[in-house]
Every structure is written in C-alpha cells, then in structure tokens.
Amino acid sequence: QVQMVESGGGLVQTGGSLRLSCTASGRAFSFYRMGWFRQDPGKEREFVAAISGGGVNTYYANSAKGRFTISRDNAKNTVYLQMNSLKPEDTAIYYCAAGPVGRNRLPAAFASYDYWGQGTQVTVSS
C-alpha cells in the first residue's frame, strides 16, 4: 500500500506559478511511475503529466507542454509539478498517482495507476 499526500496548491493570478509536491509513504518509490491528473467539478479527471521510475522519461498532456515540468526526487519519495504561466482553465483539484513501472499501460491512462492522493486545489484567477 502506498499513501500519498499532495501539497502546494493555492490561489494564484493568471500568469503566475505554483509548485505542487506529492510525498509517498513506503519503500521502493523508484519502482513506481508517478503521474499528475486534475479534475474540475463537472468535468472528467484528465491526465497532466507523468514520469518514469528513474525520472528519465517524462510525458505531458498538450495543455501542459511548455508550461509544466514534472520531476522527482527518489531520495525524498517526492514528485513535483512545477506550473508556470498559469491560466484560469488550469483551475482544478490536482491529484498525484502511483503505478508500477512494469505495467504495460500508457502513462496517461488511469489503468496505469493503483494509488491516488487526496488532491490539492489550484485556483487561477483572471
């Protein structure tokens, strides 16, 4: 069982930046692919970014490319999402997710992940 806690959300103006963190419990953090998803009320949860266990490979939704950066520190059991040039449409609850690196699923697929955090709210004002 992996438990994760997100932090770093908040209220920011358009064009601002936030860095989200997600810290996981347990060992063998590097054995997990980590992802960030987001969900706005009334909408489906959507993929934002993912990173391989060793941190070499990263994946982004089109909406995140060029503005968001995912990274991880396996020594701290933590994955980060640096978000720059934020827009009102980025407003959502952001969730981190963990799944085994060996699972043959696309990084953007929900089925790639077994464990989910509780989420952190990001609000971008116009």
Protein backbone atom coordinates (compact mmCIF):
# COMPACT_ATOMS: atom_id res chain seq x y z
CA GLN A 1 0.00 0.00 0.00
CA VAL A 2 1.28 3.44 -0.95
CA GLN A 3 -0.12 6.55 0.63
CA MET A 4 0.49 9.93 -0.90
CA VAL A 5 -0.02 13.48 0.28
CA GLU A 6 -0.13 16.42 -2.10
CA SER A 7 0.71 19.98 -1.15
CA GLY A 8 1.49 23.30 -2.76
CA GLY A 9 -1.88 24.23 -4.18
CA GLY A 10 -3.43 27.63 -3.71
CA LEU A 11 -4.76 30.76 -5.33
CA VAL A 12 -2.65 32.48 -7.96
CA GLN A 13 -3.24 35.11 -10.62
CA THR A 14 -3.11 34.44 -14.34
CA GLY A 15 0.50 34.13 -15.43
CA GLY A 16 1.68 33.08 -12.00
CA SER A 17 3.43 29.91 -10.88
CA LEU A 18 2.92 27.16 -8.36
CA ARG A 19 4.91 24.06 -7.46
CA LEU A 20 2.96 21.05 -6.34
CA SER A 21 4.57 18.31 -4.27
CA CYS A 22 3.46 14.77 -3.62
CA THR A 23 5.21 12.72 -0.97
CA ALA A 24 4.67 8.97 -0.82
CA SER A 25 4.99 6.58 2.08
CA GLY A 26 6.75 3.26 1.92
CA ARG A 27 9.83 1.95 0.22
CA ALA A 28 10.82 1.35 -3.38
CA PHE A 29 9.49 4.69 -4.57
CA SER A 30 11.63 4.38 -7.69
CA PHE A 31 9.65 1.28 -8.68
CA TYR A 32 6.62 3.46 -9.32
CA ARG A 33 5.71 5.55 -12.30
CA MET A 34 4.21 8.77 -10.96
CA GLY A 35 1.55 10.87 -12.58
CA TRP A 36 -0.37 14.07 -12.06
CA PHE A 37 -4.01 14.37 -13.01
CA ARG A 38 -6.55 17.11 -12.47
CA GLN A 39 -10.29 17.41 -12.21
CA ASP A 40 -12.56 20.40 -12.30
CA PRO A 41 -16.06 19.93 -10.84
CA GLY A 42 -18.44 18.72 -13.51
CA LYS A 43 -15.63 17.50 -15.73
CA GLU A 44 -13.78 14.24 -16.12
CA ARG A 45 -10.42 13.71 -14.49
CA GLU A 46 -7.69 14.34 -17.04
CA PHE A 47 -4.03 13.50 -17.39
CA VAL A 48 -1.49 16.27 -16.88
CA ALA A 49 1.98 14.71 -16.69
CA ALA A 50 3.86 11.55 -15.77
CA ILE A 51 7.41 10.50 -15.03
CA SER A 52 9.18 7.14 -15.12
CA GLY A 53 10.59 5.49 -12.04
CA GLY A 54 14.12 6.72 -12.58
CA GLY A 55 12.99 10.13 -13.75
CA VAL A 56 14.47 9.80 -17.23
CA ASN A 57 11.24 9.77 -19.21
CA THR A 58 8.52 12.37 -18.89
CA TYR A 59 5.14 12.68 -20.55
CA TYR A 60 2.81 15.66 -20.84
CA ALA A 61 -0.68 16.47 -21.94
CA ASN A 62 -0.78 19.00 -24.75
CA SER A 63 -2.24 21.54 -22.34
CA ALA A 64 0.81 21.19 -20.09
CA LYS A 65 3.63 21.13 -22.63
CA GLY A 66 5.93 24.12 -22.40
CA ARG A 67 4.38 25.38 -19.16
CA PHE A 68 4.54 22.49 -16.66
CA THR A 69 7.53 20.40 -15.59
CA ILE A 70 7.32 17.13 -13.72
CA SER A 71 10.29 15.91 -11.72
CA ARG A 72 11.02 13.57 -8.84
CA ASP A 73 13.45 13.09 -6.00
CA ASN A 74 13.55 9.40 -5.17
CA ALA A 75 15.64 10.00 -2.07
CA LYS A 76 12.75 12.05 -0.68
CA ASN A 77 9.93 9.88 -2.09
CA THR A 78 8.56 13.02 -3.70
CA VAL A 79 7.31 14.01 -7.12
CA TYR A 80 6.88 17.64 -8.15
CA LEU A 81 4.85 19.55 -10.69
CA GLN A 82 6.21 22.99 -11.48
CA MET A 83 3.45 25.01 -13.14
CA ASN A 84 4.27 28.27 -14.87
CA SER A 85 2.21 30.71 -16.94
CA LEU A 86 -0.94 29.52 -15.26
CA LYS A 87 -4.30 30.15 -16.88
CA PRO A 88 -7.83 30.19 -15.43
CA GLU A 89 -8.52 26.93 -17.27
CA ASP A 90 -5.83 25.27 -15.13
CA THR A 91 -8.13 25.66 -12.14
CA ALA A 92 -8.84 22.19 -10.75
CA ILE A 93 -8.06 19.75 -8.00
CA TYR A 94 -4.71 18.18 -8.78
CA TYR A 95 -4.06 14.56 -7.85
CA CYS A 96 -0.87 12.56 -7.86
CA ALA A 97 -0.94 8.89 -8.71
CA ALA A 98 1.45 5.94 -8.48
CA GLY A 99 1.64 2.78 -10.52
CA PRO A 100 4.23 0.03 -11.02
CA VAL A 101 6.78 0.83 -13.68
CA GLY A 102 6.37 -2.58 -15.32
CA ARG A 103 2.70 -2.17 -16.15
CA ASN A 104 2.12 -2.13 -19.88
CA ARG A 105 -0.23 0.83 -19.97
CA LEU A 106 0.10 4.32 -21.38
CA PRO A 107 1.29 6.93 -18.88
CA ALA A 108 -1.90 8.93 -19.44
CA ALA A 109 -4.19 6.00 -18.72
CA PHE A 110 -5.96 5.69 -15.38
CA ALA A 111 -5.26 1.95 -15.51
CA SER A 112 -1.56 2.68 -15.18
CA TYR A 113 -2.04 3.75 -11.57
CA ASP A 114 -3.06 1.91 -8.42
CA TYR A 115 -2.73 4.60 -5.78
CA TRP A 116 -4.09 8.14 -5.65
CA GLY A 117 -3.63 11.07 -3.32
CA GLN A 118 -6.44 13.17 -1.88
CA GLY A 119 -5.75 16.12 -4.13
CA THR A 120 -4.77 19.75 -3.74
CA GLN A 121 -6.81 22.68 -5.04
CA VAL A 122 -5.31 25.04 -7.60
CA THR A 123 -7.26 28.18 -8.43
CA VAL A 124 -6.11 30.63 -11.07
CA SER A 125 -7.88 33.98 -11.05
CA SER A 126 -8.30 36.06 -14.17
